[in-house]
Amino acid sequence: MNTKHITDPAERKRLKRTARKNAPPKGKRPEGVDRGSQKRTIRKASKGQSKR
């Protein structure tokens, strides 16, 4: 929901909350898709003098 045109923070917050409440529920994450700290980390390449 785009609320950039609303200057009053309280009004903006109220509109966003009602929009979130009325939004259709999001589906579950597909199997095997990790989130946050469960994601695999990428190994860093070794530091040091380059070969070429």
PDB file of N, CA and C in Angstrom:
ATOM      1  N   MET A   1       0.837  -1.174   0.000  1.00  0.00           N
ATOM      2  CA  MET A   1       0.000   0.000   0.000  1.00  0.00           C
ATOM      3  C   MET A   1       0.884   1.240   0.000  1.00  0.00           C
ATOM      4  N   ASN A   2       0.599   2.177  -0.888  1.00  0.00           N
ATOM      5  CA  ASN A   2       1.389   3.392  -0.986  1.00  0.00           C
ATOM      6  C   ASN A   2       0.757   4.482  -0.120  1.00  0.00           C
ATOM      7  N   THR A   3       1.456   4.891   0.930  1.00  0.00           N
ATOM      8  CA  THR A   3       0.925   5.927   1.828  1.00  0.00           C
ATOM      9  C   THR A   3       1.844   7.138   1.880  1.00  0.00           C
ATOM     10  N   LYS A   4       2.632   7.334   0.816  1.00  0.00           N
ATOM     11  CA  LYS A   4       3.578   8.444   0.820  1.00  0.00           C
ATOM     12  C   LYS A   4       2.887   9.800   0.834  1.00  0.00           C
ATOM     13  N   HIS A   5       1.703   9.879   0.286  1.00  0.00           N
ATOM     14  CA  HIS A   5       1.023  11.176   0.194  1.00  0.00           C
ATOM     15  C   HIS A   5       0.409  11.606   1.514  1.00  0.00           C
ATOM     16  N   ILE A   6       0.351  10.716   2.507  1.00  0.00           N
ATOM     17  CA  ILE A   6      -0.249  11.040   3.805  1.00  0.00           C
ATOM     18  C   ILE A   6       0.842  11.576   4.729  1.00  0.00           C
ATOM     19  N   THR A   7       0.602  12.755   5.285  1.00  0.00           N
ATOM     20  CA  THR A   7       1.636  13.377   6.117  1.00  0.00           C
ATOM     21  C   THR A   7       1.465  13.051   7.592  1.00  0.00           C
ATOM     22  N   ASP A   8       0.240  12.813   8.051  1.00  0.00           N
ATOM     23  CA  ASP A   8      -0.004  12.532   9.458  1.00  0.00           C
ATOM     24  C   ASP A   8       0.411  11.096   9.791  1.00  0.00           C
ATOM     25  N   PRO A   9       1.387  10.896  10.682  1.00  0.00           N
ATOM     26  CA  PRO A   9       1.870   9.538  10.985  1.00  0.00           C
ATOM     27  C   PRO A   9       0.806   8.620  11.566  1.00  0.00           C
ATOM     28  N   ALA A  10      -0.067   9.156  12.407  1.00  0.00           N
ATOM     29  CA  ALA A  10      -1.086   8.317  13.029  1.00  0.00           C
ATOM     30  C   ALA A  10      -2.078   7.806  11.991  1.00  0.00           C
ATOM     31  N   GLU A  11      -2.472   8.685  11.089  1.00  0.00           N
ATOM     32  CA  GLU A  11      -3.403   8.308  10.026  1.00  0.00           C
ATOM     33  C   GLU A  11      -2.765   7.271   9.099  1.00  0.00           C
ATOM     34  N   ARG A  12      -1.505   7.494   8.783  1.00  0.00           N
ATOM     35  CA  ARG A  12      -0.758   6.579   7.916  1.00  0.00           C
ATOM     36  C   ARG A  12      -0.680   5.190   8.545  1.00  0.00           C
ATOM     37  N   LYS A  13      -0.383   5.155   9.840  1.00  0.00           N
ATOM     38  CA  LYS A  13      -0.279   3.890  10.565  1.00  0.00           C
ATOM     39  C   LYS A  13      -1.622   3.159  10.568  1.00  0.00           C
ATOM     40  N   ARG A  14      -2.698   3.901  10.802  1.00  0.00           N
ATOM     41  CA  ARG A  14      -4.032   3.302  10.832  1.00  0.00           C
ATOM     42  C   ARG A  14      -4.384   2.689   9.478  1.00  0.00           C
ATOM     43  N   LEU A  15      -4.083   3.406   8.399  1.00  0.00           N
ATOM     44  CA  LEU A  15      -4.379   2.892   7.055  1.00  0.00           C
ATOM     45  C   LEU A  15      -3.565   1.641   6.737  1.00  0.00           C
ATOM     46  N   LYS A  16      -2.308   1.663   7.127  1.00  0.00           N
ATOM     47  CA  LYS A  16      -1.448   0.505   6.855  1.00  0.00           C
ATOM     48  C   LYS A  16      -1.913  -0.729   7.619  1.00  0.00           C
ATOM     49  N   ARG A  17      -2.323  -0.530   8.875  1.00  0.00           N
ATOM     50  CA  ARG A  17      -2.785  -1.659   9.671  1.00  0.00           C
ATOM     51  C   ARG A  17      -4.055  -2.267   9.103  1.00  0.00           C
ATOM     52  N   THR A  18      -4.991  -1.402   8.670  1.00  0.00           N
ATOM     53  CA  THR A  18      -6.235  -1.933   8.093  1.00  0.00           C
ATOM     54  C   THR A  18      -5.948  -2.654   6.786  1.00  0.00           C
ATOM     55  N   ALA A  19      -5.012  -2.129   5.993  1.00  0.00           N
ATOM     56  CA  ALA A  19      -4.653  -2.784   4.735  1.00  0.00           C
ATOM     57  C   ALA A  19      -4.029  -4.147   5.000  1.00  0.00           C
ATOM     58  N   ARG A  20      -3.200  -4.225   6.029  1.00  0.00           N
ATOM     59  CA  ARG A  20      -2.557  -5.492   6.365  1.00  0.00           C
ATOM     60  C   ARG A  20      -3.580  -6.508   6.856  1.00  0.00           C
ATOM     61  N   LYS A  21      -4.562  -6.008   7.592  1.00  0.00           N
ATOM     62  CA  LYS A  21      -5.593  -6.892   8.122  1.00  0.00           C
ATOM     63  C   LYS A  21      -6.474  -7.440   7.007  1.00  0.00           C
ATOM     64  N   ASN A  22      -6.758  -6.603   5.997  1.00  0.00           N
ATOM     65  CA  ASN A  22      -7.652  -7.003   4.902  1.00  0.00           C
ATOM     66  C   ASN A  22      -6.942  -7.766   3.792  1.00  0.00           C
ATOM     67  N   ALA A  23      -5.616  -7.799   3.815  1.00  0.00           N
ATOM     68  CA  ALA A  23      -4.863  -8.483   2.763  1.00  0.00           C
ATOM     69  C   ALA A  23      -5.070  -9.989   2.864  1.00  0.00           C
ATOM     70  N   PRO A  24      -5.057 -10.680   1.722  1.00  0.00           N
ATOM     71  CA  PRO A  24      -5.195 -12.145   1.768  1.00  0.00           C
ATOM     72  C   PRO A  24      -3.982 -12.767   2.447  1.00  0.00           C
ATOM     73  N   PRO A  25      -4.161 -13.880   3.155  1.00  0.00           N
ATOM     74  CA  PRO A  25      -3.024 -14.485   3.856  1.00  0.00           C
ATOM     75  C   PRO A  25      -1.985 -15.006   2.871  1.00  0.00           C
ATOM     76  N   LYS A  26      -0.742 -14.838   3.261  1.00  0.00           N
ATOM     77  CA  LYS A  26       0.352 -15.321   2.415  1.00  0.00           C
ATOM     78  C   LYS A  26       0.464 -16.827   2.558  1.00  0.00           C
ATOM     79  N   GLY A  27       0.861 -17.493   1.477  1.00  0.00           N
ATOM     80  CA  GLY A  27       1.022 -18.933   1.520  1.00  0.00           C
ATOM     81  C   GLY A  27       2.278 -19.312   2.278  1.00  0.00           C
ATOM     82  N   LYS A  28       2.362 -20.588   2.622  1.00  0.00           N
ATOM     83  CA  LYS A  28       3.548 -21.055   3.328  1.00  0.00           C
ATOM     84  C   LYS A  28       4.737 -21.070   2.382  1.00  0.00           C
ATOM     85  N   ARG A  29       5.902 -21.001   2.968  1.00  0.00           N
ATOM     86  CA  ARG A  29       7.122 -21.090   2.175  1.00  0.00           C
ATOM     87  C   ARG A  29       7.247 -22.491   1.590  1.00  0.00           C
ATOM     88  N   PRO A  30       7.761 -22.589   0.372  1.00  0.00           N
ATOM     89  CA  PRO A  30       7.940 -23.924  -0.198  1.00  0.00           C
ATOM     90  C   PRO A  30       8.959 -24.734   0.607  1.00  0.00           C
ATOM     91  N   GLU A  31       8.836 -26.030   0.522  1.00  0.00           N
ATOM     92  CA  GLU A  31       9.725 -26.933   1.261  1.00  0.00           C
ATOM     93  C   GLU A  31      11.162 -26.731   0.802  1.00  0.00           C
ATOM     94  N   GLY A  32      12.074 -26.665   1.743  1.00  0.00           N
ATOM     95  CA  GLY A  32      13.489 -26.549   1.410  1.00  0.00           C
ATOM     96  C   GLY A  32      13.974 -25.120   1.264  1.00  0.00           C
ATOM     97  N   VAL A  33      13.107 -24.129   1.435  1.00  0.00           N
ATOM     98  CA  VAL A  33      13.540 -22.734   1.358  1.00  0.00           C
ATOM     99  C   VAL A  33      13.765 -22.243   2.777  1.00  0.00           C
ATOM    100  N   ASP A  34      15.025 -21.985   3.116  1.00  0.00           N
ATOM    101  CA  ASP A  34      15.363 -21.545   4.460  1.00  0.00           C
ATOM    102  C   ASP A  34      15.177 -20.046   4.586  1.00  0.00           C
ATOM    103  N   ARG A  35      15.067 -19.595   5.825  1.00  0.00           N
ATOM    104  CA  ARG A  35      14.944 -18.167   6.049  1.00  0.00           C
ATOM    105  C   ARG A  35      15.887 -17.732   7.156  1.00  0.00           C
ATOM    106  N   GLY A  36      16.380 -16.511   7.046  1.00  0.00           N
ATOM    107  CA  GLY A  36      17.206 -15.912   8.095  1.00  0.00           C
ATOM    108  C   GLY A  36      18.494 -16.668   8.353  1.00  0.00           C
ATOM    109  N   SER A  37      18.726 -17.016   9.612  1.00  0.00           N
ATOM    110  CA  SER A  37      19.993 -17.633  10.002  1.00  0.00           C
ATOM    111  C   SER A  37      20.107 -19.063   9.498  1.00  0.00           C
ATOM    112  N   GLN A  38      19.012 -19.645   9.011  1.00  0.00           N
ATOM    113  CA  GLN A  38      19.050 -21.011   8.495  1.00  0.00           C
ATOM    114  C   GLN A  38      19.662 -21.080   7.097  1.00  0.00           C
ATOM    115  N   LYS A  39      19.790 -19.920   6.437  1.00  0.00           N
ATOM    116  CA  LYS A  39      20.323 -19.910   5.077  1.00  0.00           C
ATOM    117  C   LYS A  39      21.785 -20.331   5.084  1.00  0.00           C
ATOM    118  N   ARG A  40      22.203 -20.961   4.002  1.00  0.00           N
ATOM    119  CA  ARG A  40      23.595 -21.382   3.894  1.00  0.00           C
ATOM    120  C   ARG A  40      24.470 -20.154   3.655  1.00  0.00           C
ATOM    121  N   THR A  41      25.629 -20.134   4.287  1.00  0.00           N
ATOM    122  CA  THR A  41      26.545 -19.018   4.083  1.00  0.00           C
ATOM    123  C   THR A  41      27.523 -19.361   2.975  1.00  0.00           C
ATOM    124  N   ILE A  42      27.982 -18.340   2.295  1.00  0.00           N
ATOM    125  CA  ILE A  42      28.936 -18.533   1.203  1.00  0.00           C
ATOM    126  C   ILE A  42      30.339 -18.474   1.786  1.00  0.00           C
ATOM    127  N   ARG A  43      31.155 -19.436   1.434  1.00  0.00           N
ATOM    128  CA  ARG A  43      32.539 -19.443   1.913  1.00  0.00           C
ATOM    129  C   ARG A  43      33.296 -18.304   1.260  1.00  0.00           C
ATOM    130  N   LYS A  44      34.102 -17.637   2.034  1.00  0.00           N
ATOM    131  CA  LYS A  44      34.897 -16.545   1.491  1.00  0.00           C
ATOM    132  C   LYS A  44      36.133 -17.126   0.823  1.00  0.00           C
ATOM    133  N   ALA A  45      36.523 -16.512  -0.277  1.00  0.00           N
ATOM    134  CA  ALA A  45      37.739 -16.944  -0.963  1.00  0.00           C
ATOM    135  C   ALA A  45      38.935 -16.623  -0.075  1.00  0.00           C
ATOM    136  N   SER A  46      39.974 -17.409  -0.208  1.00  0.00           N
ATOM    137  CA  SER A  46      41.142 -17.197   0.647  1.00  0.00           C
ATOM    138  C   SER A  46      41.809 -15.866   0.303  1.00  0.00           C
ATOM    139  N   LYS A  47      42.211 -15.159   1.336  1.00  0.00           N
ATOM    140  CA  LYS A  47      42.883 -13.889   1.128  1.00  0.00           C
ATOM    141  C   LYS A  47      44.376 -14.153   0.999  1.00  0.00           C
ATOM    142  N   GLY A  48      45.051 -13.265   0.342  1.00  0.00           N
ATOM    143  CA  GLY A  48      46.501 -13.416   0.191  1.00  0.00           C
ATOM    144  C   GLY A  48      46.915 -12.958  -1.182  1.00  0.00           C
ATOM    145  N   GLN A  49      48.133 -13.299  -1.540  1.00  0.00           N
ATOM    146  CA  GLN A  49      48.669 -12.861  -2.817  1.00  0.00           C
ATOM    147  C   GLN A  49      47.987 -13.618  -3.948  1.00  0.00           C
ATOM    148  N   SER A  50      47.592 -12.876  -4.986  1.00  0.00           N
ATOM    149  CA  SER A  50      46.941 -13.528  -6.120  1.00  0.00           C
ATOM    150  C   SER A  50      47.987 -14.262  -6.959  1.00  0.00           C
ATOM    151  N   LYS A  51      47.543 -15.313  -7.615  1.00  0.00           N
ATOM    152  CA  LYS A  51      48.478 -16.175  -8.358  1.00  0.00           C
ATOM    153  C   LYS A  51      48.946 -15.519  -9.653  1.00  0.00           C
ATOM    154  N   ARG A  52      48.086 -14.769 -10.290  1.00  0.00           N
ATOM    155  CA  ARG A  52      48.458 -14.163 -11.573  1.00  0.00           C
ATOM    156  C   ARG A  52      48.228 -12.670 -11.519  1.00  0.00           C
TER     157      ARG A  52
END
